[in-house]
Amino acid sequence: SLSAGGLGNYAVLGVTLAVLVMTKDKQTKTMASSAAFVNFLSGVT
């Protein structure tokens, strides 16, 4: 269950990356980039 259970973190990463690409709001883009980077490195969602 720990292998499948961690996939939600990667799904969050995919959503955040999409928001980073799609959004035109500068503040949202900044938040999305930093959040995606932290998730990519350490899995903090």
PDB file of all heavy atoms in Angstrom:
ATOM      1  N   SER A   1       0.809  -1.227   0.000  1.00  0.00           N
ATOM      2  CA  SER A   1       0.000   0.000   0.000  1.00  0.00           C
ATOM      3  C   SER A   1       0.838   1.272   0.000  1.00  0.00           C
ATOM      4  O   SER A   1       0.392   2.315  -0.466  1.00  0.00           O
ATOM      5  CB  SER A   1      -0.952   0.000   1.195  1.00  0.00           C
ATOM      6  OG  SER A   1      -0.241   0.032   2.419  1.00  0.00           O
ATOM      7  N   LEU A   2       2.071   1.208   0.527  1.00  0.00           N
ATOM      8  CA  LEU A   2       2.921   2.399   0.543  1.00  0.00           C
ATOM      9  C   LEU A   2       3.363   2.800  -0.859  1.00  0.00           C
ATOM     10  O   LEU A   2       3.602   3.981  -1.117  1.00  0.00           O
ATOM     11  CB  LEU A   2       4.158   2.149   1.419  1.00  0.00           C
ATOM     12  CG  LEU A   2       3.947   2.296   2.932  1.00  0.00           C
ATOM     13  CD1 LEU A   2       5.131   1.732   3.697  1.00  0.00           C
ATOM     14  CD2 LEU A   2       3.716   3.745   3.319  1.00  0.00           C
ATOM     15  N   SER A   3       3.474   1.845  -1.762  1.00  0.00           N
ATOM     16  CA  SER A   3       3.854   2.202  -3.136  1.00  0.00           C
ATOM     17  C   SER A   3       2.698   2.910  -3.835  1.00  0.00           C
ATOM     18  O   SER A   3       2.874   3.993  -4.403  1.00  0.00           O
ATOM     19  CB  SER A   3       4.273   0.958  -3.924  1.00  0.00           C
ATOM     20  OG  SER A   3       3.229   0.011  -3.970  1.00  0.00           O
ATOM     21  N   ALA A   4       1.503   2.314  -3.780  1.00  0.00           N
ATOM     22  CA  ALA A   4       0.339   2.939  -4.416  1.00  0.00           C
ATOM     23  C   ALA A   4      -0.077   4.213  -3.684  1.00  0.00           C
ATOM     24  O   ALA A   4      -0.483   5.204  -4.306  1.00  0.00           O
ATOM     25  CB  ALA A   4      -0.827   1.958  -4.465  1.00  0.00           C
ATOM     26  N   GLY A   5       0.055   4.200  -2.346  1.00  0.00           N
ATOM     27  CA  GLY A   5      -0.383   5.352  -1.560  1.00  0.00           C
ATOM     28  C   GLY A   5       0.391   6.617  -1.854  1.00  0.00           C
ATOM     29  O   GLY A   5      -0.121   7.725  -1.674  1.00  0.00           O
ATOM     30  N   GLY A   6       1.623   6.494  -2.319  1.00  0.00           N
ATOM     31  CA  GLY A   6       2.431   7.676  -2.615  1.00  0.00           C
ATOM     32  C   GLY A   6       2.132   8.310  -3.954  1.00  0.00           C
ATOM     33  O   GLY A   6       2.633   9.410  -4.263  1.00  0.00           O
ATOM     34  N   LEU A   7       1.316   7.649  -4.782  1.00  0.00           N
ATOM     35  CA  LEU A   7       1.040   8.174  -6.120  1.00  0.00           C
ATOM     36  C   LEU A   7       0.234   9.465  -6.082  1.00  0.00           C
ATOM     37  O   LEU A   7       0.295  10.272  -7.007  1.00  0.00           O
ATOM     38  CB  LEU A   7       0.307   7.117  -6.955  1.00  0.00           C
ATOM     39  CG  LEU A   7       1.135   5.872  -7.290  1.00  0.00           C
ATOM     40  CD1 LEU A   7       0.274   4.841  -8.006  1.00  0.00           C
ATOM     41  CD2 LEU A   7       2.344   6.249  -8.155  1.00  0.00           C
ATOM     42  N   GLY A   8      -0.512   9.659  -5.000  1.00  0.00           N
ATOM     43  CA  GLY A   8      -1.248  10.917  -4.864  1.00  0.00           C
ATOM     44  C   GLY A   8      -0.318  12.117  -4.871  1.00  0.00           C
ATOM     45  O   GLY A   8      -0.657  13.185  -5.401  1.00  0.00           O
ATOM     46  N   ASN A   9       0.869  11.960  -4.288  1.00  0.00           N
ATOM     47  CA  ASN A   9       1.857  13.041  -4.290  1.00  0.00           C
ATOM     48  C   ASN A   9       2.278  13.405  -5.710  1.00  0.00           C
ATOM     49  O   ASN A   9       2.453  14.574  -6.054  1.00  0.00           O
ATOM     50  CB  ASN A   9       3.094  12.627  -3.492  1.00  0.00           C
ATOM     51  CG  ASN A   9       2.823  12.547  -2.004  1.00  0.00           C
ATOM     52  OD1 ASN A   9       1.671  12.564  -1.576  1.00  0.00           O
ATOM     53  ND2 ASN A   9       3.861  12.453  -1.200  1.00  0.00           N
ATOM     54  N   TYR A  10       2.449  12.365  -6.535  1.00  0.00           N
ATOM     55  CA  TYR A  10       2.854  12.619  -7.924  1.00  0.00           C
ATOM     56  C   TYR A  10       1.699  13.211  -8.735  1.00  0.00           C
ATOM     57  O   TYR A  10       1.923  14.010  -9.658  1.00  0.00           O
ATOM     58  CB  TYR A  10       3.345  11.321  -8.560  1.00  0.00           C
ATOM     59  CG  TYR A  10       4.680  10.877  -8.008  1.00  0.00           C
ATOM     60  CD1 TYR A  10       4.781   9.751  -7.197  1.00  0.00           C
ATOM     61  CD2 TYR A  10       5.847  11.596  -8.281  1.00  0.00           C
ATOM     62  CE1 TYR A  10       6.003   9.352  -6.680  1.00  0.00           C
ATOM     63  CE2 TYR A  10       7.069  11.200  -7.765  1.00  0.00           C
ATOM     64  CZ  TYR A  10       7.142  10.083  -6.964  1.00  0.00           C
ATOM     65  OH  TYR A  10       8.350   9.691  -6.452  1.00  0.00           O
ATOM     66  N   ALA A  11       0.475  12.822  -8.404  1.00  0.00           N
ATOM     67  CA  ALA A  11      -0.679  13.429  -9.067  1.00  0.00           C
ATOM     68  C   ALA A  11      -0.768  14.912  -8.736  1.00  0.00           C
ATOM     69  O   ALA A  11      -1.066  15.751  -9.605  1.00  0.00           O
ATOM     70  CB  ALA A  11      -1.960  12.710  -8.642  1.00  0.00           C
ATOM     71  N   VAL A  12      -0.490  15.241  -7.462  1.00  0.00           N
ATOM     72  CA  VAL A  12      -0.451  16.658  -7.063  1.00  0.00           C
ATOM     73  C   VAL A  12       0.612  17.397  -7.868  1.00  0.00           C
ATOM     74  O   VAL A  12       0.394  18.537  -8.311  1.00  0.00           O
ATOM     75  CB  VAL A  12      -0.158  16.783  -5.547  1.00  0.00           C
ATOM     76  CG1 VAL A  12       0.122  18.235  -5.173  1.00  0.00           C
ATOM     77  CG2 VAL A  12      -1.324  16.255  -4.735  1.00  0.00           C
ATOM     78  N   LEU A  13       1.751  16.758  -8.081  1.00  0.00           N
ATOM     79  CA  LEU A  13       2.819  17.370  -8.880  1.00  0.00           C
ATOM     80  C   LEU A  13       2.347  17.635 -10.304  1.00  0.00           C
ATOM     81  O   LEU A  13       2.589  18.716 -10.867  1.00  0.00           O
ATOM     82  CB  LEU A  13       4.045  16.456  -8.895  1.00  0.00           C
ATOM     83  CG  LEU A  13       5.241  16.908  -9.741  1.00  0.00           C
ATOM     84  CD1 LEU A  13       5.770  18.255  -9.262  1.00  0.00           C
ATOM     85  CD2 LEU A  13       6.352  15.862  -9.718  1.00  0.00           C
ATOM     86  N   GLY A  14       1.652  16.664 -10.902  1.00  0.00           N
ATOM     87  CA  GLY A  14       1.142  16.848 -12.257  1.00  0.00           C
ATOM     88  C   GLY A  14       0.146  17.985 -12.360  1.00  0.00           C
ATOM     89  O   GLY A  14       0.204  18.799 -13.303  1.00  0.00           O
ATOM     90  N   VAL A  15      -0.756  18.077 -11.382  1.00  0.00           N
ATOM     91  CA  VAL A  15      -1.730  19.180 -11.362  1.00  0.00           C
ATOM     92  C   VAL A  15      -1.015  20.522 -11.219  1.00  0.00           C
ATOM     93  O   VAL A  15      -1.313  21.490 -11.937  1.00  0.00           O
ATOM     94  CB  VAL A  15      -2.734  18.990 -10.208  1.00  0.00           C
ATOM     95  CG1 VAL A  15      -3.624  20.233 -10.073  1.00  0.00           C
ATOM     96  CG2 VAL A  15      -3.592  17.757 -10.432  1.00  0.00           C
ATOM     97  N   THR A  16      -0.063  20.584 -10.312  1.00  0.00           N
ATOM     98  CA  THR A  16       0.650  21.844 -10.056  1.00  0.00           C
ATOM     99  C   THR A  16       1.440  22.289 -11.283  1.00  0.00           C
ATOM    100  O   THR A  16       1.482  23.485 -11.603  1.00  0.00           O
ATOM    101  CB  THR A  16       1.604  21.677  -8.852  1.00  0.00           C
ATOM    102  OG1 THR A  16       0.880  21.145  -7.751  1.00  0.00           O
ATOM    103  CG2 THR A  16       2.195  23.019  -8.437  1.00  0.00           C
ATOM    104  N   LEU A  17       2.071  21.341 -11.972  1.00  0.00           N
ATOM    105  CA  LEU A  17       2.821  21.684 -13.192  1.00  0.00           C
ATOM    106  C   LEU A  17       1.879  22.220 -14.271  1.00  0.00           C
ATOM    107  O   LEU A  17       2.232  23.162 -15.003  1.00  0.00           O
ATOM    108  CB  LEU A  17       3.569  20.452 -13.706  1.00  0.00           C
ATOM    109  CG  LEU A  17       4.775  19.996 -12.874  1.00  0.00           C
ATOM    110  CD1 LEU A  17       5.303  18.656 -13.392  1.00  0.00           C
ATOM    111  CD2 LEU A  17       5.878  21.051 -12.891  1.00  0.00           C
ATOM    112  N   ALA A  18       0.698  21.630 -14.370  1.00  0.00           N
ATOM    113  CA  ALA A  18      -0.281  22.108 -15.354  1.00  0.00           C
ATOM    114  C   ALA A  18      -0.732  23.524 -15.028  1.00  0.00           C
ATOM    115  O   ALA A  18      -0.861  24.376 -15.928  1.00  0.00           O
ATOM    116  CB  ALA A  18      -1.480  21.161 -15.398  1.00  0.00           C
ATOM    117  N   VAL A  19      -0.980  23.789 -13.756  1.00  0.00           N
ATOM    118  CA  VAL A  19      -1.355  25.146 -13.333  1.00  0.00           C
ATOM    119  C   VAL A  19      -0.226  26.124 -13.645  1.00  0.00           C
ATOM    120  O   VAL A  19      -0.464  27.243 -14.112  1.00  0.00           O
ATOM    121  CB  VAL A  19      -1.692  25.173 -11.827  1.00  0.00           C
ATOM    122  CG1 VAL A  19      -1.877  26.607 -11.341  1.00  0.00           C
ATOM    123  CG2 VAL A  19      -2.942  24.346 -11.545  1.00  0.00           C
ATOM    124  N   LEU A  20       1.002  25.706 -13.399  1.00  0.00           N
ATOM    125  CA  LEU A  20       2.172  26.546 -13.699  1.00  0.00           C
ATOM    126  C   LEU A  20       2.218  26.915 -15.171  1.00  0.00           C
ATOM    127  O   LEU A  20       2.513  28.068 -15.534  1.00  0.00           O
ATOM    128  CB  LEU A  20       3.456  25.794 -13.309  1.00  0.00           C
ATOM    129  CG  LEU A  20       4.793  26.441 -13.672  1.00  0.00           C
ATOM    130  CD1 LEU A  20       4.949  27.783 -12.972  1.00  0.00           C
ATOM    131  CD2 LEU A  20       5.951  25.511 -13.315  1.00  0.00           C
ATOM    132  N   VAL A  21       1.902  25.964 -16.043  1.00  0.00           N
ATOM    133  CA  VAL A  21       1.944  26.201 -17.491  1.00  0.00           C
ATOM    134  C   VAL A  21       0.748  27.035 -17.947  1.00  0.00           C
ATOM    135  O   VAL A  21       0.888  27.942 -18.784  1.00  0.00           O
ATOM    136  CB  VAL A  21       1.968  24.852 -18.253  1.00  0.00           C
ATOM    137  CG1 VAL A  21       1.784  25.073 -19.752  1.00  0.00           C
ATOM    138  CG2 VAL A  21       3.270  24.119 -17.984  1.00  0.00           C
ATOM    139  N   MET A  22      -0.422  26.774 -17.389  1.00  0.00           N
ATOM    140  CA  MET A  22      -1.663  27.379 -17.893  1.00  0.00           C
ATOM    141  C   MET A  22      -1.964  28.754 -17.326  1.00  0.00           C
ATOM    142  O   MET A  22      -2.545  29.598 -18.006  1.00  0.00           O
ATOM    143  CB  MET A  22      -2.839  26.449 -17.583  1.00  0.00           C
ATOM    144  CG  MET A  22      -2.780  25.094 -18.258  1.00  0.00           C
ATOM    145  SD  MET A  22      -2.950  25.213 -20.054  1.00  0.00           S
ATOM    146  CE  MET A  22      -4.679  25.714 -20.189  1.00  0.00           C
ATOM    147  N   THR A  23      -1.583  29.005 -16.082  1.00  0.00           N
ATOM    148  CA  THR A  23      -1.998  30.253 -15.441  1.00  0.00           C
ATOM    149  C   THR A  23      -1.274  31.473 -16.014  1.00  0.00           C
ATOM    150  O   THR A  23      -0.113  31.381 -16.423  1.00  0.00           O
ATOM    151  CB  THR A  23      -1.776  30.190 -13.917  1.00  0.00           C
ATOM    152  OG1 THR A  23      -2.344  31.357 -13.322  1.00  0.00           O
ATOM    153  CG2 THR A  23      -0.287  30.148 -13.583  1.00  0.00           C
ATOM    154  N   LYS A  24      -1.984  32.576 -16.019  1.00  0.00           N
ATOM    155  CA  LYS A  24      -1.385  33.849 -16.449  1.00  0.00           C
ATOM    156  C   LYS A  24      -1.180  34.797 -15.275  1.00  0.00           C
ATOM    157  O   LYS A  24      -0.610  35.872 -15.430  1.00  0.00           O
ATOM    158  CB  LYS A  24      -2.283  34.504 -17.498  1.00  0.00           C
ATOM    159  CG  LYS A  24      -2.396  33.682 -18.783  1.00  0.00           C
ATOM    160  CD  LYS A  24      -3.398  34.281 -19.749  1.00  0.00           C
ATOM    161  CE  LYS A  24      -3.534  33.395 -20.980  1.00  0.00           C
ATOM    162  NZ  LYS A  24      -4.586  33.903 -21.917  1.00  0.00           N
ATOM    163  N   ASP A  25      -1.657  34.344 -14.107  1.00  0.00           N
ATOM    164  CA  ASP A  25      -1.502  35.147 -12.900  1.00  0.00           C
ATOM    165  C   ASP A  25      -0.087  34.967 -12.349  1.00  0.00           C
ATOM    166  O   ASP A  25       0.343  33.839 -12.065  1.00  0.00           O
ATOM    167  CB  ASP A  25      -2.536  34.718 -11.847  1.00  0.00           C
ATOM    168  CG  ASP A  25      -2.424  35.537 -10.580  1.00  0.00           C
ATOM    169  OD1 ASP A  25      -2.783  36.720 -10.596  1.00  0.00           O
ATOM    170  OD2 ASP A  25      -1.966  34.964  -9.567  1.00  0.00           O
ATOM    171  N   LYS A  26       0.624  36.071 -12.200  1.00  0.00           N
ATOM    172  CA  LYS A  26       2.027  36.011 -11.797  1.00  0.00           C
ATOM    173  C   LYS A  26       2.203  35.402 -10.412  1.00  0.00           C
ATOM    174  O   LYS A  26       3.101  34.577 -10.181  1.00  0.00           O
ATOM    175  CB  LYS A  26       2.629  37.424 -11.827  1.00  0.00           C
ATOM    176  CG  LYS A  26       4.132  37.449 -11.622  1.00  0.00           C
ATOM    177  CD  LYS A  26       4.681  38.858 -11.770  1.00  0.00           C
ATOM    178  CE  LYS A  26       6.198  38.867 -11.558  1.00  0.00           C
ATOM    179  NZ  LYS A  26       6.755  40.250 -11.694  1.00  0.00           N
ATOM    180  N   GLN A  27       1.340  35.769  -9.459  1.00  0.00           N
ATOM    181  CA  GLN A  27       1.449  35.258  -8.101  1.00  0.00           C
ATOM    182  C   GLN A  27       1.190  33.748  -8.056  1.00  0.00           C
ATOM    183  O   GLN A  27       1.910  32.999  -7.381  1.00  0.00           O
ATOM    184  CB  GLN A  27       0.475  35.981  -7.172  1.00  0.00           C
ATOM    185  CG  GLN A  27       0.623  35.590  -5.707  1.00  0.00           C
ATOM    186  CD  GLN A  27      -0.318  36.386  -4.805  1.00  0.00           C
ATOM    187  OE1 GLN A  27      -1.081  37.218  -5.278  1.00  0.00           O
ATOM    188  NE2 GLN A  27      -0.259  36.123  -3.515  1.00  0.00           N
ATOM    189  N   THR A  28       0.168  33.301  -8.802  1.00  0.00           N
ATOM    190  CA  THR A  28      -0.141  31.876  -8.857  1.00  0.00           C
ATOM    191  C   THR A  28       0.998  31.105  -9.507  1.00  0.00           C
ATOM    192  O   THR A  28       1.359  30.004  -9.068  1.00  0.00           O
ATOM    193  CB  THR A  28      -1.447  31.630  -9.640  1.00  0.00           C
ATOM    194  OG1 THR A  28      -2.511  32.343  -9.021  1.00  0.00           O
ATOM    195  CG2 THR A  28      -1.788  30.149  -9.685  1.00  0.00           C
ATOM    196  N   LYS A  29       1.581  31.668 -10.548  1.00  0.00           N
ATOM    197  CA  LYS A  29       2.695  31.025 -11.247  1.00  0.00           C
ATOM    198  C   LYS A  29       3.896  30.861 -10.312  1.00  0.00           C
ATOM    199  O   LYS A  29       4.556  29.818 -10.294  1.00  0.00           O
ATOM    200  CB  LYS A  29       3.081  31.828 -12.488  1.00  0.00           C
ATOM    201  CG  LYS A  29       4.047  31.112 -13.435  1.00  0.00           C
ATOM    202  CD  LYS A  29       4.297  31.944 -14.670  1.00  0.00           C
ATOM    203  CE  LYS A  29       3.144  31.915 -15.632  1.00  0.00           C
ATOM    204  NZ  LYS A  29       2.989  30.599 -16.302  1.00  0.00           N
ATOM    205  N   THR A  30       4.171  31.899  -9.520  1.00  0.00           N
ATOM    206  CA  THR A  30       5.290  31.844  -8.576  1.00  0.00           C
ATOM    207  C   THR A  30       5.047  30.767  -7.516  1.00  0.00           C
ATOM    208  O   THR A  30       5.938  29.970  -7.193  1.00  0.00           O
ATOM    209  CB  THR A  30       5.489  33.201  -7.883  1.00  0.00           C
ATOM    210  OG1 THR A  30       5.765  34.189  -8.876  1.00  0.00           O
ATOM    211  CG2 THR A  30       6.637  33.146  -6.894  1.00  0.00           C
ATOM    212  N   MET A  31       3.818  30.738  -6.985  1.00  0.00           N
ATOM    213  CA  MET A  31       3.486  29.753  -5.967  1.00  0.00           C
ATOM    214  C   MET A  31       3.535  28.346  -6.538  1.00  0.00           C
ATOM    215  O   MET A  31       4.053  27.415  -5.903  1.00  0.00           O
ATOM    216  CB  MET A  31       2.094  30.045  -5.394  1.00  0.00           C
ATOM    217  CG  MET A  31       1.680  29.086  -4.281  1.00  0.00           C
ATOM    218  SD  MET A  31       0.099  29.529  -3.547  1.00  0.00           S
ATOM    219  CE  MET A  31       0.540  31.026  -2.673  1.00  0.00           C
ATOM    220  N   ALA A  32       3.030  28.175  -7.762  1.00  0.00           N
ATOM    221  CA  ALA A  32       3.015  26.853  -8.387  1.00  0.00           C
ATOM    222  C   ALA A  32       4.433  26.350  -8.653  1.00  0.00           C
ATOM    223  O   ALA A  32       4.726  25.167  -8.455  1.00  0.00           O
ATOM    224  CB  ALA A  32       2.223  26.899  -9.694  1.00  0.00           C
ATOM    225  N   SER A  33       5.310  27.230  -9.085  1.00  0.00           N
ATOM    226  CA  SER A  33       6.684  26.808  -9.382  1.00  0.00           C
ATOM    227  C   SER A  33       7.415  26.362  -8.124  1.00  0.00           C
ATOM    228  O   SER A  33       8.096  25.329  -8.116  1.00  0.00           O
ATOM    229  CB  SER A  33       7.455  27.945 -10.072  1.00  0.00           C
ATOM    230  OG  SER A  33       7.551  29.077  -9.219  1.00  0.00           O
ATOM    231  N   SER A  34       7.274  27.133  -7.045  1.00  0.00           N
ATOM    232  CA  SER A  34       7.956  26.766  -5.798  1.00  0.00           C
ATOM    233  C   SER A  34       7.349  25.500  -5.195  1.00  0.00           C
ATOM    234  O   SER A  34       8.062  24.629  -4.696  1.00  0.00           O
ATOM    235  CB  SER A  34       7.896  27.915  -4.790  1.00  0.00           C
ATOM    236  OG  SER A  34       6.559  28.219  -4.435  1.00  0.00           O
ATOM    237  N   ALA A  35       6.019  25.377  -5.249  1.00  0.00           N
ATOM    238  CA  ALA A  35       5.342  24.195  -4.698  1.00  0.00           C
ATOM    239  C   ALA A  35       5.721  22.938  -5.477  1.00  0.00           C
ATOM    240  O   ALA A  35       5.967  21.876  -4.893  1.00  0.00           O
ATOM    241  CB  ALA A  35       3.835  24.398  -4.721  1.00  0.00           C
ATOM    242  N   ALA A  36       5.774  23.049  -6.810  1.00  0.00           N
ATOM    243  CA  ALA A  36       6.144  21.900  -7.646  1.00  0.00           C
ATOM    244  C   ALA A  36       7.586  21.480  -7.388  1.00  0.00           C
ATOM    245  O   ALA A  36       7.903  20.286  -7.335  1.00  0.00           O
ATOM    246  CB  ALA A  36       5.962  22.252  -9.123  1.00  0.00           C
ATOM    247  N   PHE A  37       8.468  22.458  -7.192  1.00  0.00           N
ATOM    248  CA  PHE A  37       9.886  22.161  -6.946  1.00  0.00           C
ATOM    249  C   PHE A  37      10.062  21.408  -5.627  1.00  0.00           C
ATOM    250  O   PHE A  37      10.784  20.401  -5.563  1.00  0.00           O
ATOM    251  CB  PHE A  37      10.690  23.459  -6.929  1.00  0.00           C
ATOM    252  CG  PHE A  37      12.167  23.258  -6.728  1.00  0.00           C
ATOM    253  CD1 PHE A  37      12.929  22.658  -7.712  1.00  0.00           C
ATOM    254  CD2 PHE A  37      12.782  23.653  -5.551  1.00  0.00           C
ATOM    255  CE1 PHE A  37      14.294  22.453  -7.539  1.00  0.00           C
ATOM    256  CE2 PHE A  37      14.145  23.459  -5.361  1.00  0.00           C
ATOM    257  CZ  PHE A  37      14.900  22.858  -6.365  1.00  0.00           C
ATOM    258  N   VAL A  38       9.375  21.863  -4.581  1.00  0.00           N
ATOM    259  CA  VAL A  38       9.464  21.206  -3.271  1.00  0.00           C
ATOM    260  C   VAL A  38       8.905  19.786  -3.349  1.00  0.00           C
ATOM    261  O   VAL A  38       9.492  18.842  -2.806  1.00  0.00           O
ATOM    262  CB  VAL A  38       8.711  22.029  -2.203  1.00  0.00           C
ATOM    263  CG1 VAL A  38       8.573  21.233  -0.908  1.00  0.00           C
ATOM    264  CG2 VAL A  38       9.433  23.334  -1.930  1.00  0.00           C
ATOM    265  N   ASN A  39       7.782  19.620  -4.038  1.00  0.00           N
ATOM    266  CA  ASN A  39       7.172  18.301  -4.198  1.00  0.00           C
ATOM    267  C   ASN A  39       8.093  17.379  -4.986  1.00  0.00           C
ATOM    268  O   ASN A  39       8.290  16.213  -4.627  1.00  0.00           O
ATOM    269  CB  ASN A  39       5.828  18.439  -4.917  1.00  0.00           C
ATOM    270  CG  ASN A  39       5.013  17.153  -4.902  1.00  0.00           C
ATOM    271  OD1 ASN A  39       5.482  16.095  -4.503  1.00  0.00           O
ATOM    272  ND2 ASN A  39       3.781  17.239  -5.350  1.00  0.00           N
ATOM    273  N   PHE A  40       8.691  17.894  -6.059  1.00  0.00           N
ATOM    274  CA  PHE A  40       9.585  17.095  -6.893  1.00  0.00           C
ATOM    275  C   PHE A  40      10.798  16.594  -6.105  1.00  0.00           C
ATOM    276  O   PHE A  40      11.225  15.452  -6.247  1.00  0.00           O
ATOM    277  CB  PHE A  40      10.048  17.930  -8.091  1.00  0.00           C
ATOM    278  CG  PHE A  40      11.168  17.296  -8.869  1.00  0.00           C
ATOM    279  CD1 PHE A  40      10.926  16.197  -9.691  1.00  0.00           C
ATOM    280  CD2 PHE A  40      12.465  17.786  -8.780  1.00  0.00           C
ATOM    281  CE1 PHE A  40      11.965  15.599 -10.407  1.00  0.00           C
ATOM    282  CE2 PHE A  40      13.503  17.197  -9.493  1.00  0.00           C
ATOM    283  CZ  PHE A  40      13.254  16.094 -10.310  1.00  0.00           C
ATOM    284  N   LEU A  41      11.334  17.450  -5.251  1.00  0.00           N
ATOM    285  CA  LEU A  41      12.528  17.075  -4.495  1.00  0.00           C
ATOM    286  C   LEU A  41      12.216  16.123  -3.346  1.00  0.00           C
ATOM    287  O   LEU A  41      12.887  15.110  -3.171  1.00  0.00           O
ATOM    288  CB  LEU A  41      13.222  18.327  -3.942  1.00  0.00           C
ATOM    289  CG  LEU A  41      14.022  19.191  -4.904  1.00  0.00           C
ATOM    290  CD1 LEU A  41      14.661  20.343  -4.154  1.00  0.00           C
ATOM    291  CD2 LEU A  41      15.093  18.378  -5.625  1.00  0.00           C
ATOM    292  N   SER A  42      11.196  16.466  -2.547  1.00  0.00           N
ATOM    293  CA  SER A  42      11.022  15.758  -1.275  1.00  0.00           C
ATOM    294  C   SER A  42       9.626  15.192  -1.041  1.00  0.00           C
ATOM    295  O   SER A  42       9.374  14.610   0.018  1.00  0.00           O
ATOM    296  CB  SER A  42      11.365  16.708  -0.119  1.00  0.00           C
ATOM    297  OG  SER A  42      10.532  17.856  -0.168  1.00  0.00           O
ATOM    298  N   GLY A  43       8.711  15.361  -1.983  1.00  0.00           N
ATOM    299  CA  GLY A  43       7.384  14.790  -1.814  1.00  0.00           C
ATOM    300  C   GLY A  43       6.468  15.553  -0.876  1.00  0.00           C
ATOM    301  O   GLY A  43       5.400  15.062  -0.513  1.00  0.00           O
ATOM    302  N   VAL A  44       6.853  16.771  -0.478  1.00  0.00           N
ATOM    303  CA  VAL A  44       6.001  17.594   0.399  1.00  0.00           C
ATOM    304  C   VAL A  44       4.921  18.248  -0.453  1.00  0.00           C
ATOM    305  O   VAL A  44       5.225  18.995  -1.392  1.00  0.00           O
ATOM    306  CB  VAL A  44       6.840  18.665   1.124  1.00  0.00           C
ATOM    307  CG1 VAL A  44       5.937  19.600   1.914  1.00  0.00           C
ATOM    308  CG2 VAL A  44       7.852  18.001   2.054  1.00  0.00           C
ATOM    309  N   THR A  45       3.662  17.975  -0.119  1.00  0.00           N
ATOM    310  CA  THR A  45       2.542  18.396  -0.979  1.00  0.00           C
ATOM    311  C   THR A  45       1.712  19.553  -0.429  1.00  0.00           C
ATOM    312  O   THR A  45       0.899  20.124  -1.156  1.00  0.00           O
ATOM    313  CB  THR A  45       1.593  17.209  -1.222  1.00  0.00           C
ATOM    314  OG1 THR A  45       1.140  16.719   0.045  1.00  0.00           O
ATOM    315  CG2 THR A  45       2.286  16.094  -1.982  1.00  0.00           C
TER     316      THR A  45
END
